PDB file of N, CA and C in Angstrom:
ATOM      1  N   MET A   1      17.786  74.047  46.037  1.00  0.00           N
ATOM      2  CA  MET A   1      16.847  73.621  47.061  1.00  0.00           C
ATOM      3  C   MET A   1      16.906  72.097  47.165  1.00  0.00           C
ATOM      4  N   PRO A   2      17.048  71.557  48.362  1.00  0.00           N
ATOM      5  CA  PRO A   2      17.104  70.102  48.533  1.00  0.00           C
ATOM      6  C   PRO A   2      15.813  69.429  48.049  1.00  0.00           C
ATOM      7  N   ALA A   3      15.953  68.194  47.581  1.00  0.00           N
ATOM      8  CA  ALA A   3      14.804  67.457  47.052  1.00  0.00           C
ATOM      9  C   ALA A   3      13.699  67.302  48.086  1.00  0.00           C
ATOM     10  N   ALA A   4      14.063  67.075  49.346  1.00  0.00           N
ATOM     11  CA  ALA A   4      13.047  66.907  50.399  1.00  0.00           C
ATOM     12  C   ALA A   4      12.223  68.173  50.573  1.00  0.00           C
ATOM     13  N   GLN A   5      12.867  69.311  50.492  1.00  0.00           N
ATOM     14  CA  GLN A   5      12.147  70.582  50.636  1.00  0.00           C
ATOM     15  C   GLN A   5      11.235  70.811  49.432  1.00  0.00           C
ATOM     16  N   THR A   6      11.735  70.479  48.250  1.00  0.00           N
ATOM     17  CA  THR A   6      10.907  70.609  47.049  1.00  0.00           C
ATOM     18  C   THR A   6       9.685  69.706  47.146  1.00  0.00           C
ATOM     19  N   SER A   7       9.891  68.481  47.581  1.00  0.00           N
ATOM     20  CA  SER A   7       8.787  67.535  47.722  1.00  0.00           C
ATOM     21  C   SER A   7       7.745  68.065  48.702  1.00  0.00           C
ATOM     22  N   ALA A   8       8.188  68.615  49.817  1.00  0.00           N
ATOM     23  CA  ALA A   8       7.267  69.169  50.810  1.00  0.00           C
ATOM     24  C   ALA A   8       6.499  70.344  50.226  1.00  0.00           C
ATOM     25  N   ARG A   9       7.164  71.184  49.490  1.00  0.00           N
ATOM     26  CA  ARG A   9       6.490  72.354  48.902  1.00  0.00           C
ATOM     27  C   ARG A   9       5.453  71.931  47.865  1.00  0.00           C
ATOM     28  N   VAL A  10       5.796  70.935  47.060  1.00  0.00           N
ATOM     29  CA  VAL A  10       4.842  70.464  46.047  1.00  0.00           C
ATOM     30  C   VAL A  10       3.629  69.828  46.732  1.00  0.00           C
ATOM     31  N   LEU A  11       3.866  69.006  47.750  1.00  0.00           N
ATOM     32  CA  LEU A  11       2.756  68.394  48.490  1.00  0.00           C
ATOM     33  C   LEU A  11       1.894  69.481  49.133  1.00  0.00           C
ATOM     34  N   SER A  12       2.531  70.471  49.724  1.00  0.00           N
ATOM     35  CA  SER A  12       1.799  71.585  50.323  1.00  0.00           C
ATOM     36  C   SER A  12       0.935  72.287  49.281  1.00  0.00           C
ATOM     37  N   GLY A  13       1.507  72.583  48.134  1.00  0.00           N
ATOM     38  CA  GLY A  13       0.762  73.250  47.068  1.00  0.00           C
ATOM     39  C   GLY A  13      -0.402  72.419  46.559  1.00  0.00           C
ATOM     40  N   LEU A  14      -0.186  71.118  46.442  1.00  0.00           N
ATOM     41  CA  LEU A  14      -1.258  70.221  46.004  1.00  0.00           C
ATOM     42  C   LEU A  14      -2.433  70.275  46.981  1.00  0.00           C
ATOM     43  N   LEU A  15      -2.128  70.192  48.262  1.00  0.00           N
ATOM     44  CA  LEU A  15      -3.182  70.211  49.277  1.00  0.00           C
ATOM     45  C   LEU A  15      -3.895  71.553  49.336  1.00  0.00           C
ATOM     46  N   ILE A  16      -3.139  72.632  49.320  1.00  0.00           N
ATOM     47  CA  ILE A  16      -3.762  73.961  49.369  1.00  0.00           C
ATOM     48  C   ILE A  16      -4.619  74.184  48.124  1.00  0.00           C
ATOM     49  N   GLY A  17      -4.107  73.805  46.964  1.00  0.00           N
ATOM     50  CA  GLY A  17      -4.882  73.944  45.728  1.00  0.00           C
ATOM     51  C   GLY A  17      -6.169  73.133  45.760  1.00  0.00           C
ATOM     52  N   ALA A  18      -6.075  71.894  46.250  1.00  0.00           N
ATOM     53  CA  ALA A  18      -7.273  71.057  46.350  1.00  0.00           C
ATOM     54  C   ALA A  18      -8.259  71.667  47.345  1.00  0.00           C
ATOM     55  N   GLY A  19      -7.734  72.195  48.449  1.00  0.00           N
ATOM     56  CA  GLY A  19      -8.611  72.818  49.439  1.00  0.00           C
ATOM     57  C   GLY A  19      -9.338  74.028  48.880  1.00  0.00           C
ATOM     58  N   VAL A  20      -8.635  74.855  48.147  1.00  0.00           N
ATOM     59  CA  VAL A  20      -9.254  76.031  47.525  1.00  0.00           C
ATOM     60  C   VAL A  20     -10.333  75.599  46.530  1.00  0.00           C
ATOM     61  N   ALA A  21     -10.071  74.508  45.802  1.00  0.00           N
ATOM     62  CA  ALA A  21     -11.059  74.007  44.839  1.00  0.00           C
ATOM     63  C   ALA A  21     -12.371  73.624  45.515  1.00  0.00           C
ATOM     64  N   HIS A  22     -12.308  73.178  46.769  1.00  0.00           N
ATOM     65  CA  HIS A  22     -13.533  72.832  47.497  1.00  0.00           C
ATOM     66  C   HIS A  22     -14.444  74.045  47.674  1.00  0.00           C
ATOM     67  N   PHE A  23     -13.870  75.236  47.662  1.00  0.00           N
ATOM     68  CA  PHE A  23     -14.659  76.455  47.787  1.00  0.00           C
ATOM     69  C   PHE A  23     -14.977  77.061  46.418  1.00  0.00           C
ATOM     70  N   ALA A  24     -14.076  76.901  45.472  1.00  0.00           N
ATOM     71  CA  ALA A  24     -14.270  77.489  44.140  1.00  0.00           C
ATOM     72  C   ALA A  24     -15.299  76.715  43.320  1.00  0.00           C
ATOM     73  N   VAL A  25     -15.270  75.402  43.403  1.00  0.00           N
ATOM     74  CA  VAL A  25     -16.204  74.550  42.649  1.00  0.00           C
ATOM     75  C   VAL A  25     -16.746  73.451  43.575  1.00  0.00           C
ATOM     76  N   PRO A  26     -17.542  73.839  44.562  1.00  0.00           N
ATOM     77  CA  PRO A  26     -17.948  72.875  45.586  1.00  0.00           C
ATOM     78  C   PRO A  26     -18.893  71.767  45.117  1.00  0.00           C
ATOM     79  N   ARG A  27     -19.668  71.998  44.073  1.00  0.00           N
ATOM     80  CA  ARG A  27     -20.668  70.998  43.671  1.00  0.00           C
ATOM     81  C   ARG A  27     -20.049  69.654  43.336  1.00  0.00           C
ATOM     82  N   GLN A  28     -18.887  69.672  42.698  1.00  0.00           N
ATOM     83  CA  GLN A  28     -18.269  68.384  42.339  1.00  0.00           C
ATOM     84  C   GLN A  28     -17.844  67.611  43.586  1.00  0.00           C
ATOM     85  N   PHE A  29     -17.503  68.310  44.652  1.00  0.00           N
ATOM     86  CA  PHE A  29     -17.122  67.660  45.909  1.00  0.00           C
ATOM     87  C   PHE A  29     -18.366  67.246  46.698  1.00  0.00           C
ATOM     88  N   ASP A  30     -19.412  68.081  46.661  1.00  0.00           N
ATOM     89  CA  ASP A  30     -20.665  67.728  47.330  1.00  0.00           C
ATOM     90  C   ASP A  30     -21.172  66.375  46.836  1.00  0.00           C
ATOM     91  N   ALA A  31     -21.020  66.144  45.544  1.00  0.00           N
ATOM     92  CA  ALA A  31     -21.559  64.928  44.918  1.00  0.00           C
ATOM     93  C   ALA A  31     -20.885  63.651  45.409  1.00  0.00           C
ATOM     94  N   ILE A  32     -19.668  63.741  45.946  1.00  0.00           N
ATOM     95  CA  ILE A  32     -18.980  62.526  46.370  1.00  0.00           C
ATOM     96  C   ILE A  32     -18.949  62.343  47.890  1.00  0.00           C
ATOM     97  N   VAL A  33     -19.639  63.224  48.605  1.00  0.00           N
ATOM     98  CA  VAL A  33     -19.724  63.058  50.063  1.00  0.00           C
ATOM     99  C   VAL A  33     -20.598  61.836  50.337  1.00  0.00           C
ATOM    100  N   PRO A  34     -20.080  60.866  51.080  1.00  0.00           N
ATOM    101  CA  PRO A  34     -20.892  59.678  51.376  1.00  0.00           C
ATOM    102  C   PRO A  34     -22.207  60.062  52.076  1.00  0.00           C
ATOM    103  N   ARG A  35     -23.284  59.444  51.640  1.00  0.00           N
ATOM    104  CA  ARG A  35     -24.608  59.755  52.188  1.00  0.00           C
ATOM    105  C   ARG A  35     -24.719  59.393  53.665  1.00  0.00           C
ATOM    106  N   SER A  36     -23.863  58.510  54.118  1.00  0.00           N
ATOM    107  CA  SER A  36     -23.939  58.067  55.518  1.00  0.00           C
ATOM    108  C   SER A  36     -23.459  59.144  56.499  1.00  0.00           C
ATOM    109  N   LEU A  37     -22.793  60.168  56.005  1.00  0.00           N
ATOM    110  CA  LEU A  37     -22.337  61.240  56.896  1.00  0.00           C
ATOM    111  C   LEU A  37     -23.518  62.139  57.254  1.00  0.00           C
ATOM    112  N   PRO A  38     -23.621  62.535  58.530  1.00  0.00           N
ATOM    113  CA  PRO A  38     -24.738  63.403  58.922  1.00  0.00           C
ATOM    114  C   PRO A  38     -24.541  64.825  58.385  1.00  0.00           C
ATOM    115  N   GLY A  39     -25.637  65.521  58.222  1.00  0.00           N
ATOM    116  CA  GLY A  39     -25.550  66.916  57.800  1.00  0.00           C
ATOM    117  C   GLY A  39     -25.520  67.072  56.288  1.00  0.00           C
ATOM    118  N   ALA A  40     -25.340  68.307  55.884  1.00  0.00           N
ATOM    119  CA  ALA A  40     -25.355  68.653  54.466  1.00  0.00           C
ATOM    120  C   ALA A  40     -24.006  68.341  53.812  1.00  0.00           C
ATOM    121  N   PRO A  41     -24.030  67.829  52.590  1.00  0.00           N
ATOM    122  CA  PRO A  41     -22.765  67.580  51.881  1.00  0.00           C
ATOM    123  C   PRO A  41     -21.885  68.823  51.776  1.00  0.00           C
ATOM    124  N   ARG A  42     -22.491  70.004  51.601  1.00  0.00           N
ATOM    125  CA  ARG A  42     -21.696  71.230  51.460  1.00  0.00           C
ATOM    126  C   ARG A  42     -20.875  71.497  52.716  1.00  0.00           C
ATOM    127  N   THR A  43     -21.435  71.166  53.866  1.00  0.00           N
ATOM    128  CA  THR A  43     -20.686  71.335  55.117  1.00  0.00           C
ATOM    129  C   THR A  43     -19.428  70.474  55.092  1.00  0.00           C
ATOM    130  N   TRP A  44     -19.568  69.231  54.666  1.00  0.00           N
ATOM    131  CA  TRP A  44     -18.415  68.319  54.584  1.00  0.00           C
ATOM    132  C   TRP A  44     -17.427  68.782  53.519  1.00  0.00           C
ATOM    133  N   THR A  45     -17.943  69.324  52.423  1.00  0.00           N
ATOM    134  CA  THR A  45     -17.067  69.859  51.375  1.00  0.00           C
ATOM    135  C   THR A  45     -16.216  70.989  51.945  1.00  0.00           C
ATOM    136  N   HIS A  46     -16.848  71.893  52.656  1.00  0.00           N
ATOM    137  CA  HIS A  46     -16.106  73.027  53.228  1.00  0.00           C
ATOM    138  C   HIS A  46     -15.148  72.574  54.323  1.00  0.00           C
ATOM    139  N   LEU A  47     -15.578  71.646  55.175  1.00  0.00           N
ATOM    140  CA  LEU A  47     -14.692  71.155  56.239  1.00  0.00           C
ATOM    141  C   LEU A  47     -13.471  70.446  55.668  1.00  0.00           C
ATOM    142  N   SER A  48     -13.697  69.629  54.648  1.00  0.00           N
ATOM    143  CA  SER A  48     -12.549  68.921  54.059  1.00  0.00           C
ATOM    144  C   SER A  48     -11.647  69.905  53.316  1.00  0.00           C
ATOM    145  N   GLY A  49     -12.218  70.923  52.695  1.00  0.00           N
ATOM    146  CA  GLY A  49     -11.408  71.951  52.050  1.00  0.00           C
ATOM    147  C   GLY A  49     -10.556  72.710  53.057  1.00  0.00           C
ATOM    148  N   LEU A  50     -11.167  73.070  54.179  1.00  0.00           N
ATOM    149  CA  LEU A  50     -10.404  73.746  55.237  1.00  0.00           C
ATOM    150  C   LEU A  50      -9.292  72.844  55.770  1.00  0.00           C
ATOM    151  N   ALA A  51      -9.600  71.571  55.941  1.00  0.00           N
ATOM    152  CA  ALA A  51      -8.586  70.628  56.429  1.00  0.00           C
ATOM    153  C   ALA A  51      -7.413  70.547  55.460  1.00  0.00           C
ATOM    154  N   GLU A  52      -7.709  70.485  54.168  1.00  0.00           N
ATOM    155  CA  GLU A  52      -6.630  70.411  53.183  1.00  0.00           C
ATOM    156  C   GLU A  52      -5.779  71.674  53.192  1.00  0.00           C
ATOM    157  N   ILE A  53      -6.415  72.824  53.295  1.00  0.00           N
ATOM    158  CA  ILE A  53      -5.669  74.084  53.344  1.00  0.00           C
ATOM    159  C   ILE A  53      -4.807  74.140  54.603  1.00  0.00           C
ATOM    160  N   ALA A  54      -5.375  73.764  55.747  1.00  0.00           N
ATOM    161  CA  ALA A  54      -4.628  73.800  57.009  1.00  0.00           C
ATOM    162  C   ALA A  54      -3.450  72.829  56.989  1.00  0.00           C
ATOM    163  N   VAL A  55      -3.676  71.637  56.490  1.00  0.00           N
ATOM    164  CA  VAL A  55      -2.605  70.633  56.425  1.00  0.00           C
ATOM    165  C   VAL A  55      -1.528  71.093  55.444  1.00  0.00           C
ATOM    166  N   GLY A  56      -1.942  71.638  54.308  1.00  0.00           N
ATOM    167  CA  GLY A  56      -0.976  72.155  53.341  1.00  0.00           C
ATOM    168  C   GLY A  56      -0.143  73.278  53.929  1.00  0.00           C
ATOM    169  N   ALA A  57      -0.777  74.165  54.679  1.00  0.00           N
ATOM    170  CA  ALA A  57      -0.045  75.261  55.333  1.00  0.00           C
ATOM    171  C   ALA A  57       0.924  74.717  56.378  1.00  0.00           C
ATOM    172  N   ALA A  58       0.508  73.692  57.114  1.00  0.00           N
ATOM    173  CA  ALA A  58       1.397  73.098  58.121  1.00  0.00           C
ATOM    174  C   ALA A  58       2.618  72.463  57.456  1.00  0.00           C
ATOM    175  N   ILE A  59       2.433  71.843  56.313  1.00  0.00           N
ATOM    176  CA  ILE A  59       3.561  71.238  55.601  1.00  0.00           C
ATOM    177  C   ILE A  59       4.494  72.320  55.052  1.00  0.00           C
ATOM    178  N   ALA A  60       3.944  73.438  54.668  1.00  0.00           N
ATOM    179  CA  ALA A  60       4.750  74.527  54.098  1.00  0.00           C
ATOM    180  C   ALA A  60       5.737  75.100  55.103  1.00  0.00           C
ATOM    181  N   ALA A  61       5.367  75.086  56.368  1.00  0.00           N
ATOM    182  CA  ALA A  61       6.230  75.663  57.411  1.00  0.00           C
ATOM    183  C   ALA A  61       7.155  74.578  57.970  1.00  0.00           C
ATOM    184  N   PRO A  62       8.468  74.746  57.857  1.00  0.00           N
ATOM    185  CA  PRO A  62       9.388  73.713  58.353  1.00  0.00           C
ATOM    186  C   PRO A  62       9.136  73.291  59.796  1.00  0.00           C
ATOM    187  N   ARG A  63       8.735  74.231  60.623  1.00  0.00           N
ATOM    188  CA  ARG A  63       8.524  73.939  62.048  1.00  0.00           C
ATOM    189  C   ARG A  63       7.358  72.976  62.287  1.00  0.00           C
ATOM    190  N   THR A  64       6.346  73.002  61.415  1.00  0.00           N
ATOM    191  CA  THR A  64       5.166  72.144  61.577  1.00  0.00           C
ATOM    192  C   THR A  64       5.069  71.073  60.491  1.00  0.00           C
ATOM    193  N   ARG A  65       6.103  70.954  59.688  1.00  0.00           N
ATOM    194  CA  ARG A  65       6.072  70.040  58.540  1.00  0.00           C
ATOM    195  C   ARG A  65       5.823  68.587  58.942  1.00  0.00           C
ATOM    196  N   ARG A  66       6.516  68.116  59.984  1.00  0.00           N
ATOM    197  CA  ARG A  66       6.361  66.704  60.370  1.00  0.00           C
ATOM    198  C   ARG A  66       4.930  66.412  60.825  1.00  0.00           C
ATOM    199  N   ALA A  67       4.373  67.266  61.652  1.00  0.00           N
ATOM    200  CA  ALA A  67       2.995  67.064  62.108  1.00  0.00           C
ATOM    201  C   ALA A  67       2.019  67.206  60.937  1.00  0.00           C
ATOM    202  N   GLY A  68       2.256  68.201  60.090  1.00  0.00           N
ATOM    203  CA  GLY A  68       1.384  68.420  58.937  1.00  0.00           C
ATOM    204  C   GLY A  68       1.405  67.268  57.964  1.00  0.00           C
ATOM    205  N   SER A  69       2.581  66.695  57.752  1.00  0.00           N
ATOM    206  CA  SER A  69       2.659  65.580  56.803  1.00  0.00           C
ATOM    207  C   SER A  69       1.988  64.329  57.365  1.00  0.00           C
ATOM    208  N   LEU A  70       2.052  64.119  58.680  1.00  0.00           N
ATOM    209  CA  LEU A  70       1.300  62.998  59.280  1.00  0.00           C
ATOM    210  C   LEU A  70      -0.206  63.230  59.133  1.00  0.00           C
ATOM    211  N   ALA A  71      -0.618  64.470  59.334  1.00  0.00           N
ATOM    212  CA  ALA A  71      -2.027  64.818  59.146  1.00  0.00           C
ATOM    213  C   ALA A  71      -2.438  64.602  57.691  1.00  0.00           C
ATOM    214  N   ALA A  72      -1.550  64.913  56.762  1.00  0.00           N
ATOM    215  CA  ALA A  72      -1.848  64.705  55.342  1.00  0.00           C
ATOM    216  C   ALA A  72      -2.056  63.225  55.050  1.00  0.00           C
ATOM    217  N   ALA A  73      -1.196  62.364  55.599  1.00  0.00           N
ATOM    218  CA  ALA A  73      -1.357  60.924  55.392  1.00  0.00           C
ATOM    219  C   ALA A  73      -2.719  60.477  55.901  1.00  0.00           C
ATOM    220  N   GLY A  74      -3.104  60.966  57.082  1.00  0.00           N
ATOM    221  CA  GLY A  74      -4.418  60.630  57.625  1.00  0.00           C
ATOM    222  C   GLY A  74      -5.554  61.171  56.779  1.00  0.00           C
ATOM    223  N   LEU A  75      -5.384  62.367  56.278  1.00  0.00           N
ATOM    224  CA  LEU A  75      -6.408  62.978  55.426  1.00  0.00           C
ATOM    225  C   LEU A  75      -6.586  62.187  54.137  1.00  0.00           C
ATOM    226  N   PHE A  76      -5.478  61.747  53.540  1.00  0.00           N
ATOM    227  CA  PHE A  76      -5.574  60.958  52.310  1.00  0.00           C
ATOM    228  C   PHE A  76      -6.321  59.643  52.553  1.00  0.00           C
ATOM    229  N   VAL A  77      -6.140  59.070  53.721  1.00  0.00           N
ATOM    230  CA  VAL A  77      -6.877  57.854  54.070  1.00  0.00           C
ATOM    231  C   VAL A  77      -8.353  58.197  54.320  1.00  0.00           C
ATOM    232  N   ALA A  78      -8.598  59.300  54.992  1.00  0.00           N
ATOM    233  CA  ALA A  78      -9.963  59.685  55.359  1.00  0.00           C
ATOM    234  C   ALA A  78     -10.846  59.992  54.149  1.00  0.00           C
ATOM    235  N   VAL A  79     -10.271  60.487  53.074  1.00  0.00           N
ATOM    236  CA  VAL A  79     -11.092  60.829  51.900  1.00  0.00           C
ATOM    237  C   VAL A  79     -11.308  59.631  50.973  1.00  0.00           C
ATOM    238  N   PHE A  80     -10.709  58.491  51.301  1.00  0.00           N
ATOM    239  CA  PHE A  80     -10.880  57.311  50.445  1.00  0.00           C
ATOM    240  C   PHE A  80     -12.353  56.940  50.247  1.00  0.00           C
ATOM    241  N   PRO A  81     -13.208  56.964  51.282  1.00  0.00           N
ATOM    242  CA  PRO A  81     -14.619  56.630  51.039  1.00  0.00           C
ATOM    243  C   PRO A  81     -15.292  57.536  50.009  1.00  0.00           C
ATOM    244  N   ALA A  82     -14.916  58.802  49.965  1.00  0.00           N
ATOM    245  CA  ALA A  82     -15.493  59.695  48.949  1.00  0.00           C
ATOM    246  C   ALA A  82     -15.039  59.272  47.557  1.00  0.00           C
ATOM    247  N   ASN A  83     -13.785  58.876  47.431  1.00  0.00           N
ATOM    248  CA  ASN A  83     -13.297  58.415  46.130  1.00  0.00           C
ATOM    249  C   ASN A  83     -13.977  57.105  45.726  1.00  0.00           C
ATOM    250  N   ALA A  84     -14.212  56.221  46.689  1.00  0.00           N
ATOM    251  CA  ALA A  84     -14.911  54.969  46.403  1.00  0.00           C
ATOM    252  C   ALA A  84     -16.350  55.255  45.961  1.00  0.00           C
ATOM    253  N   LYS A  85     -17.000  56.210  46.619  1.00  0.00           N
ATOM    254  CA  LYS A  85     -18.359  56.584  46.237  1.00  0.00           C
ATOM    255  C   LYS A  85     -18.385  57.143  44.818  1.00  0.00           C
ATOM    256  N   MET A  86     -17.397  57.960  44.498  1.00  0.00           N
ATOM    257  CA  MET A  86     -17.321  58.524  43.156  1.00  0.00           C
ATOM    258  C   MET A  86     -17.162  57.409  42.119  1.00  0.00           C
ATOM    259  N   ALA A  87     -16.288  56.446  42.378  1.00  0.00           N
ATOM    260  CA  ALA A  87     -16.087  55.341  41.434  1.00  0.00           C
ATOM    261  C   ALA A  87     -17.394  54.558  41.252  1.00  0.00           C
ATOM    262  N   TYR A  88     -18.115  54.328  42.341  1.00  0.00           N
ATOM    263  CA  TYR A  88     -19.389  53.612  42.252  1.00  0.00           C
ATOM    264  C   TYR A  88     -20.428  54.438  41.489  1.00  0.00           C
ATOM    265  N   ASP A  89     -20.560  55.705  41.847  1.00  0.00           N
ATOM    266  CA  ASP A  89     -21.555  56.565  41.205  1.00  0.00           C
ATOM    267  C   ASP A  89     -21.286  56.762  39.717  1.00  0.00           C
ATOM    268  N   TRP A  90     -20.040  56.693  39.330  1.00  0.00           N
ATOM    269  CA  TRP A  90     -19.673  56.936  37.935  1.00  0.00           C
ATOM    270  C   TRP A  90     -19.589  55.644  37.120  1.00  0.00           C
ATOM    271  N   ARG A  91     -20.076  54.557  37.632  1.00  0.00           N
ATOM    272  CA  ARG A  91     -19.941  53.264  36.948  1.00  0.00           C
ATOM    273  C   ARG A  91     -20.665  53.203  35.611  1.00  0.00           C
ATOM    274  N   HIS A  92     -21.644  54.096  35.381  1.00  0.00           N
ATOM    275  CA  HIS A  92     -22.379  54.093  34.111  1.00  0.00           C
ATOM    276  C   HIS A  92     -21.986  55.264  33.205  1.00  0.00           C
ATOM    277  N   ARG A  93     -21.000  56.027  33.601  1.00  0.00           N
ATOM    278  CA  ARG A  93     -20.536  57.161  32.787  1.00  0.00           C
ATOM    279  C   ARG A  93     -19.668  56.632  31.636  1.00  0.00           C
ATOM    280  N   PRO A  94     -19.334  57.502  30.692  1.00  0.00           N
ATOM    281  CA  PRO A  94     -18.451  57.072  29.603  1.00  0.00           C
ATOM    282  C   PRO A  94     -17.122  56.523  30.142  1.00  0.00           C
ATOM    283  N   ALA A  95     -16.527  55.619  29.371  1.00  0.00           N
ATOM    284  CA  ALA A  95     -15.322  54.901  29.802  1.00  0.00           C
ATOM    285  C   ALA A  95     -14.210  55.808  30.331  1.00  0.00           C
ATOM    286  N   PRO A  96     -13.878  56.932  29.678  1.00  0.00           N
ATOM    287  CA  PRO A  96     -12.791  57.761  30.220  1.00  0.00           C
ATOM    288  C   PRO A  96     -13.092  58.312  31.621  1.00  0.00           C
ATOM    289  N   LEU A  97     -14.347  58.693  31.872  1.00  0.00           N
ATOM    290  CA  LEU A  97     -14.715  59.202  33.193  1.00  0.00           C
ATOM    291  C   LEU A  97     -14.701  58.078  34.227  1.00  0.00           C
ATOM    292  N   ARG A  98     -15.216  56.900  33.846  1.00  0.00           N
ATOM    293  CA  ARG A  98     -15.171  55.740  34.747  1.00  0.00           C
ATOM    294  C   ARG A  98     -13.735  55.414  35.105  1.00  0.00           C
ATOM    295  N   ALA A  99     -12.864  55.416  34.102  1.00  0.00           N
ATOM    296  CA  ALA A  99     -11.451  55.092  34.337  1.00  0.00           C
ATOM    297  C   ALA A  99     -10.806  56.108  35.275  1.00  0.00           C
ATOM    298  N   ALA A 100     -11.120  57.379  35.099  1.00  0.00           N
ATOM    299  CA  ALA A 100     -10.552  58.415  35.971  1.00  0.00           C
ATOM    300  C   ALA A 100     -11.025  58.228  37.404  1.00  0.00           C
ATOM    301  N   ALA A 101     -12.300  57.906  37.577  1.00  0.00           N
ATOM    302  CA  ALA A 101     -12.842  57.715  38.928  1.00  0.00           C
ATOM    303  C   ALA A 101     -12.212  56.496  39.595  1.00  0.00           C
ATOM    304  N   VAL A 102     -12.048  55.430  38.859  1.00  0.00           N
ATOM    305  CA  VAL A 102     -11.448  54.213  39.425  1.00  0.00           C
ATOM    306  C   VAL A 102      -9.957  54.434  39.691  1.00  0.00           C
ATOM    307  N   ALA A 103      -9.281  55.195  38.841  1.00  0.00           N
ATOM    308  CA  ALA A 103      -7.844  55.455  39.014  1.00  0.00           C
ATOM    309  C   ALA A 103      -7.553  56.233  40.290  1.00  0.00           C
ATOM    310  N   ARG A 104      -8.531  56.987  40.780  1.00  0.00           N
ATOM    311  CA  ARG A 104      -8.324  57.744  42.024  1.00  0.00           C
ATOM    312  C   ARG A 104      -8.136  56.825  43.221  1.00  0.00           C
ATOM    313  N   LEU A 105      -8.696  55.621  43.166  1.00  0.00           N
ATOM    314  CA  LEU A 105      -8.640  54.715  44.320  1.00  0.00           C
ATOM    315  C   LEU A 105      -7.210  54.298  44.648  1.00  0.00           C
ATOM    316  N   PRO A 106      -6.474  53.698  43.726  1.00  0.00           N
ATOM    317  CA  PRO A 106      -5.095  53.322  44.059  1.00  0.00           C
ATOM    318  C   PRO A 106      -4.159  54.525  44.186  1.00  0.00           C
ATOM    319  N   LEU A 107      -4.552  55.676  43.662  1.00  0.00           N
ATOM    320  CA  LEU A 107      -3.720  56.874  43.771  1.00  0.00           C
ATOM    321  C   LEU A 107      -3.548  57.303  45.228  1.00  0.00           C
ATOM    322  N   GLN A 108      -4.474  56.924  46.091  1.00  0.00           N
ATOM    323  CA  GLN A 108      -4.357  57.298  47.497  1.00  0.00           C
ATOM    324  C   GLN A 108      -3.107  56.683  48.134  1.00  0.00           C
ATOM    325  N   VAL A 109      -2.709  55.506  47.686  1.00  0.00           N
ATOM    326  CA  VAL A 109      -1.540  54.842  48.278  1.00  0.00           C
ATOM    327  C   VAL A 109      -0.269  55.671  48.073  1.00  0.00           C
ATOM    328  N   PRO A 110       0.080  56.080  46.841  1.00  0.00           N
ATOM    329  CA  PRO A 110       1.284  56.900  46.707  1.00  0.00           C
ATOM    330  C   PRO A 110       1.172  58.257  47.408  1.00  0.00           C
ATOM    331  N   LEU A 111      -0.037  58.792  47.530  1.00  0.00           N
ATOM    332  CA  LEU A 111      -0.192  60.057  48.257  1.00  0.00           C
ATOM    333  C   LEU A 111       0.130  59.866  49.740  1.00  0.00           C
ATOM    334  N   VAL A 112      -0.362  58.786  50.324  1.00  0.00           N
ATOM    335  CA  VAL A 112      -0.053  58.497  51.735  1.00  0.00           C
ATOM    336  C   VAL A 112       1.446  58.284  51.901  1.00  0.00           C
ATOM    337  N   LEU A 113       2.045  57.513  51.009  1.00  0.00           N
ATOM    338  CA  LEU A 113       3.489  57.249  51.091  1.00  0.00           C
ATOM    339  C   LEU A 113       4.295  58.531  50.916  1.00  0.00           C
ATOM    340  N   TRP A 114       3.866  59.404  50.032  1.00  0.00           N
ATOM    341  CA  TRP A 114       4.529  60.689  49.827  1.00  0.00           C
ATOM    342  C   TRP A 114       4.498  61.506  51.114  1.00  0.00           C
ATOM    343  N   ALA A 115       3.328  61.591  51.734  1.00  0.00           N
ATOM    344  CA  ALA A 115       3.211  62.347  52.980  1.00  0.00           C
ATOM    345  C   ALA A 115       4.120  61.751  54.060  1.00  0.00           C
ATOM    346  N   LEU A 116       4.200  60.438  54.122  1.00  0.00           N
ATOM    347  CA  LEU A 116       5.060  59.800  55.124  1.00  0.00           C
ATOM    348  C   LEU A 116       6.546  60.048  54.831  1.00  0.00           C
ATOM    349  N   ARG A 117       6.917  60.116  53.554  1.00  0.00           N
ATOM    350  CA  ARG A 117       8.311  60.461  53.202  1.00  0.00           C
ATOM    351  C   ARG A 117       8.634  61.882  53.628  1.00  0.00           C
ATOM    352  N   VAL A 118       7.704  62.795  53.419  1.00  0.00           N
ATOM    353  CA  VAL A 118       7.907  64.178  53.852  1.00  0.00           C
ATOM    354  C   VAL A 118       8.045  64.221  55.371  1.00  0.00           C
ATOM    355  N   HIS A 119       7.258  63.434  56.062  1.00  0.00           N
ATOM    356  CA  HIS A 119       7.356  63.366  57.527  1.00  0.00           C
ATOM    357  C   HIS A 119       8.745  62.900  57.961  1.00  0.00           C
ATOM    358  N   ARG A 120       9.222  61.835  57.354  1.00  0.00           N
ATOM    359  CA  ARG A 120      10.541  61.305  57.735  1.00  0.00           C
ATOM    360  C   ARG A 120      11.660  62.284  57.414  1.00  0.00           C
ATOM    361  N   ALA A 121      11.514  63.049  56.339  1.00  0.00           N
ATOM    362  CA  ALA A 121      12.575  63.965  55.921  1.00  0.00           C
ATOM    363  C   ALA A 121      12.558  65.282  56.687  1.00  0.00           C
ATOM    364  N   GLY A 122      11.426  65.596  57.322  1.00  0.00           N
ATOM    365  CA  GLY A 122      11.294  66.881  58.026  1.00  0.00           C
ATOM    366  C   GLY A 122      12.054  66.893  59.324  1.00  0.00           C
ATOM    367  N   ARG A 123      12.349  68.095  59.777  1.00  0.00           N
ATOM    368  CA  ARG A 123      13.037  68.204  61.068  1.00  0.00           C
ATOM    369  C   ARG A 123      12.023  67.978  62.185  1.00  0.00           C
ATOM    370  N   PRO A 124      12.431  67.497  63.314  1.00  0.00           N
ATOM    371  CA  PRO A 124      11.504  67.233  64.416  1.00  0.00           C
ATOM    372  C   PRO A 124      10.756  68.485  64.854  1.00  0.00           C
ATOM    373  N   CYS A 125       9.499  68.284  65.234  1.00  0.00           N
ATOM    374  CA  CYS A 125       8.689  69.397  65.771  1.00  0.00           C
ATOM    375  C   CYS A 125       9.221  69.771  67.147  1.00  0.00           C
ATOM    376  N   ARG A 126       9.111  71.041  67.489  1.00  0.00           N
ATOM    377  CA  ARG A 126       9.550  71.504  68.819  1.00  0.00           C
ATOM    378  C   ARG A 126       8.419  72.130  69.570  1.00  0.00           C
TER     379      ARG A 126
END
């Protein structure tokens, strides 16, 4: 299997797995929904989970991979405020938890770049 296809499949699996987690263990995601968003945090948890599953499925299919990977890059940028909120909220937690929360912030950059690499490697949408 070519490396580009493997990369797309792994990215797809990561997104689908994260999306499923939003439904399996929603409380941890509810806690990081920025308070400035209207409505209930659970609604945002479910919407973001659905978005991750849909984007992951789009990346899995070669025909929609390029569009899905662009959507993934946008999604990784869109969830940054939740990660920033988590880092702020966890500032008084034990050092390992604080470090994990802060480490999520720069992790968004390689995720966006990964999605863009998958986009460039994918065949054009028709």
